[in-house]
Amino acid sequence: MTSKPPKILVKRGDDFRLDMTIQDLNNDAAIASKAAMDAAQAAYDAALAADPQVPADITTTHNALVAAQATYADDIVVDISSWTITSKLAWAGKLISNFTVVIVDGPAGNFSVRLGNAETALWKPRSYDMDVQFVRAEGKVSSETFMVIVEKDITNG
């Protein structure tokens, strides 16, 4: 079964900004910390379900869960500081626009895909294809293709 591409709705003539974060949920550290986080959640749930409840156990297991969640959040981060990221919009195989890509916080994997309203005003209301390409030391890879649906803006025309 094929899945439908993600859809992004945009008003013609509006600024385009798509903020994204790169995460790796399948690296060895992330998998191990996810298991630890799940175990901490189970321990916390058990402490809450205990009859009678023991406040010290609830506090201890809650603190362990918070620490496990923080470790997992750290382990899924991908540092994109040295990456080159590009993004394009196309219709019927024809290039329509090159987006500006800004690495907002490289060590945290945050970047933004942007285009000003002067250029989006030139887009016709219809569906376009968009993807993001990442060039990194391990090689080049592209995101799945997004569908950008441009709607007519009544105010801007």
Protein backbone atom coordinates (compact mmCIF):
# COMPACT_ATOMS: atom_id res chain seq x y z
CA MET A 1 0.00 0.00 0.00
CA THR A 2 1.39 3.39 -0.92
CA SER A 3 0.87 6.33 1.36
CA LYS A 4 -0.21 9.75 0.23
CA PRO A 5 2.44 12.48 0.36
CA PRO A 6 2.21 15.01 3.18
CA LYS A 7 0.24 18.11 2.21
CA ILE A 8 1.13 21.70 3.00
CA LEU A 9 -1.52 24.36 2.42
CA VAL A 10 -0.24 27.80 1.35
CA LYS A 11 -2.05 30.98 0.40
CA ARG A 12 -0.77 32.54 -2.81
CA GLY A 13 1.13 35.74 -2.01
CA ASP A 14 1.87 34.84 1.62
CA ASP A 15 5.34 34.34 3.05
CA PHE A 16 6.27 30.65 3.04
CA ARG A 17 8.00 29.28 6.11
CA LEU A 18 8.31 25.64 7.07
CA ASP A 19 10.28 24.97 10.26
CA MET A 20 11.65 21.44 10.59
CA THR A 21 13.79 19.34 12.92
CA ILE A 22 15.90 16.35 11.94
CA GLN A 23 15.76 13.47 14.41
CA ASP A 24 17.12 9.93 14.31
CA LEU A 25 14.92 7.57 16.33
CA ASN A 26 16.75 4.46 15.14
CA ASN A 27 20.35 5.03 16.19
CA ASP A 28 21.71 2.66 18.85
CA ALA A 29 21.70 5.26 21.64
CA ALA A 30 18.11 6.32 20.84
CA ILE A 31 16.87 2.73 20.83
CA ALA A 32 18.52 2.02 24.19
CA SER A 33 17.28 5.24 25.78
CA LYS A 34 13.75 4.61 24.43
CA ALA A 35 13.74 1.23 26.18
CA ALA A 36 14.95 2.89 29.39
CA MET A 37 12.28 5.57 29.06
CA ASP A 38 9.57 2.94 28.55
CA ALA A 39 10.77 1.08 31.65
CA ALA A 40 10.77 4.31 33.66
CA GLN A 41 7.22 5.03 32.47
CA ALA A 42 6.10 1.55 33.54
CA ALA A 43 7.69 2.03 36.98
CA TYR A 44 6.00 5.42 37.38
CA ASP A 45 2.63 3.98 36.28
CA ALA A 46 3.04 1.17 38.81
CA ALA A 47 3.83 3.66 41.58
CA LEU A 48 0.70 5.63 40.72
CA ALA A 49 -1.42 2.46 40.64
CA ALA A 50 -0.11 1.13 43.96
CA ASP A 51 -2.62 0.71 46.72
CA PRO A 52 -1.79 2.32 48.99
CA GLN A 53 0.24 4.90 47.10
CA VAL A 54 3.65 5.73 48.52
CA PRO A 55 4.48 9.40 47.82
CA ALA A 56 8.23 8.80 47.98
CA ASP A 57 7.96 6.05 45.34
CA ILE A 58 5.90 8.33 43.09
CA THR A 59 8.44 11.13 43.41
CA THR A 60 11.41 8.82 42.79
CA THR A 61 9.87 7.13 39.75
CA HIS A 62 8.68 10.48 38.36
CA ASN A 63 12.19 11.93 38.64
CA ALA A 64 13.60 8.82 36.92
CA LEU A 65 11.06 9.20 34.13
CA VAL A 66 11.91 12.87 33.61
CA ALA A 67 15.63 12.01 33.45
CA ALA A 68 14.95 9.17 30.97
CA GLN A 69 12.88 11.50 28.78
CA ALA A 70 15.70 14.05 28.75
CA THR A 71 18.25 11.38 27.78
CA TYR A 72 16.01 10.17 24.95
CA ALA A 73 15.50 13.73 23.69
CA ASP A 74 19.29 14.19 23.61
CA ASP A 75 19.86 10.85 21.87
CA ILE A 76 17.52 11.51 18.94
CA VAL A 77 19.12 14.87 18.05
CA VAL A 78 20.99 15.05 14.75
CA ASP A 79 23.63 17.76 14.39
CA ILE A 80 23.15 19.31 10.95
CA SER A 81 25.74 22.07 11.38
CA SER A 82 27.96 20.79 8.57
CA TRP A 83 25.14 19.85 6.20
CA THR A 84 24.09 21.64 3.03
CA ILE A 85 20.30 21.71 2.71
CA THR A 86 18.36 22.74 -0.38
CA SER A 87 14.69 22.65 -1.32
CA LYS A 88 12.77 23.17 -4.54
CA LEU A 89 9.21 23.47 -5.75
CA ALA A 90 8.16 21.94 -9.07
CA TRP A 91 5.06 21.46 -11.18
CA ALA A 92 4.80 18.84 -13.91
CA GLY A 93 8.56 18.30 -13.64
CA LYS A 94 9.35 21.99 -14.19
CA LEU A 95 11.25 23.96 -11.53
CA ILE A 96 9.07 26.74 -10.15
CA SER A 97 11.02 28.03 -7.13
CA ASN A 98 14.21 27.48 -5.15
CA PHE A 99 13.58 27.94 -1.45
CA THR A 100 15.98 29.60 0.96
CA VAL A 101 17.06 27.16 3.67
CA VAL A 102 18.31 28.56 6.97
CA ILE A 103 19.97 26.34 9.57
CA VAL A 104 18.43 27.82 12.71
CA ASP A 105 20.16 25.62 15.32
CA GLY A 106 22.52 23.13 13.70
CA PRO A 107 23.45 21.14 16.83
CA ALA A 108 19.73 20.68 17.63
CA GLY A 109 18.84 19.71 14.03
CA ASN A 110 16.59 22.74 13.44
CA PHE A 111 16.23 24.39 10.05
CA SER A 112 13.71 26.49 8.17
CA VAL A 113 12.61 26.45 4.52
CA ARG A 114 11.51 29.93 3.41
CA LEU A 115 10.33 31.99 0.47
CA GLY A 116 9.05 35.55 0.42
CA ASN A 117 5.58 36.64 -0.60
CA ALA A 118 6.82 38.37 -3.77
CA GLU A 119 7.70 34.97 -5.21
CA THR A 120 4.72 33.03 -3.85
CA ALA A 121 2.47 35.66 -5.45
CA LEU A 122 3.68 34.25 -8.79
CA TRP A 123 2.47 30.73 -7.95
CA LYS A 124 -0.76 29.66 -9.60
CA PRO A 125 -3.37 28.06 -7.35
CA ARG A 126 -2.79 24.30 -7.81
CA SER A 127 -0.77 21.43 -6.34
CA TYR A 128 3.02 21.42 -6.58
CA ASP A 129 5.74 18.96 -5.58
CA MET A 130 8.41 19.89 -3.05
CA ASP A 131 11.26 18.07 -1.41
CA VAL A 132 14.26 18.83 0.75
CA GLN A 133 17.74 17.54 -0.09
CA PHE A 134 20.43 16.97 2.52
CA VAL A 135 24.11 16.75 1.62
CA ARG A 136 26.17 15.36 4.50
CA ALA A 137 29.46 13.52 4.99
CA GLU A 138 27.68 10.15 4.63
CA GLY A 139 26.22 11.18 1.27
CA LYS A 140 23.19 12.85 -0.24
CA VAL A 141 19.59 12.02 0.65
CA SER A 142 16.25 13.63 -0.13
CA SER A 143 13.11 13.81 1.95
CA GLU A 144 9.91 12.26 0.75
CA THR A 145 8.04 14.49 -1.67
CA PHE A 146 5.55 16.91 -0.14
CA MET A 147 2.48 18.19 -1.91
CA VAL A 148 2.20 21.98 -1.65
CA ILE A 149 -1.35 23.06 -2.31
CA VAL A 150 -1.50 26.73 -3.24
CA GLU A 151 -4.85 28.36 -2.60
CA LYS A 152 -6.06 31.66 -4.01
CA ASP A 153 -5.89 34.47 -1.47
CA ILE A 154 -9.02 36.59 -1.74
CA THR A 155 -7.27 39.67 -0.33
CA ASN A 156 -4.06 39.36 -2.38
CA GLY A 157 -5.74 38.00 -5.52
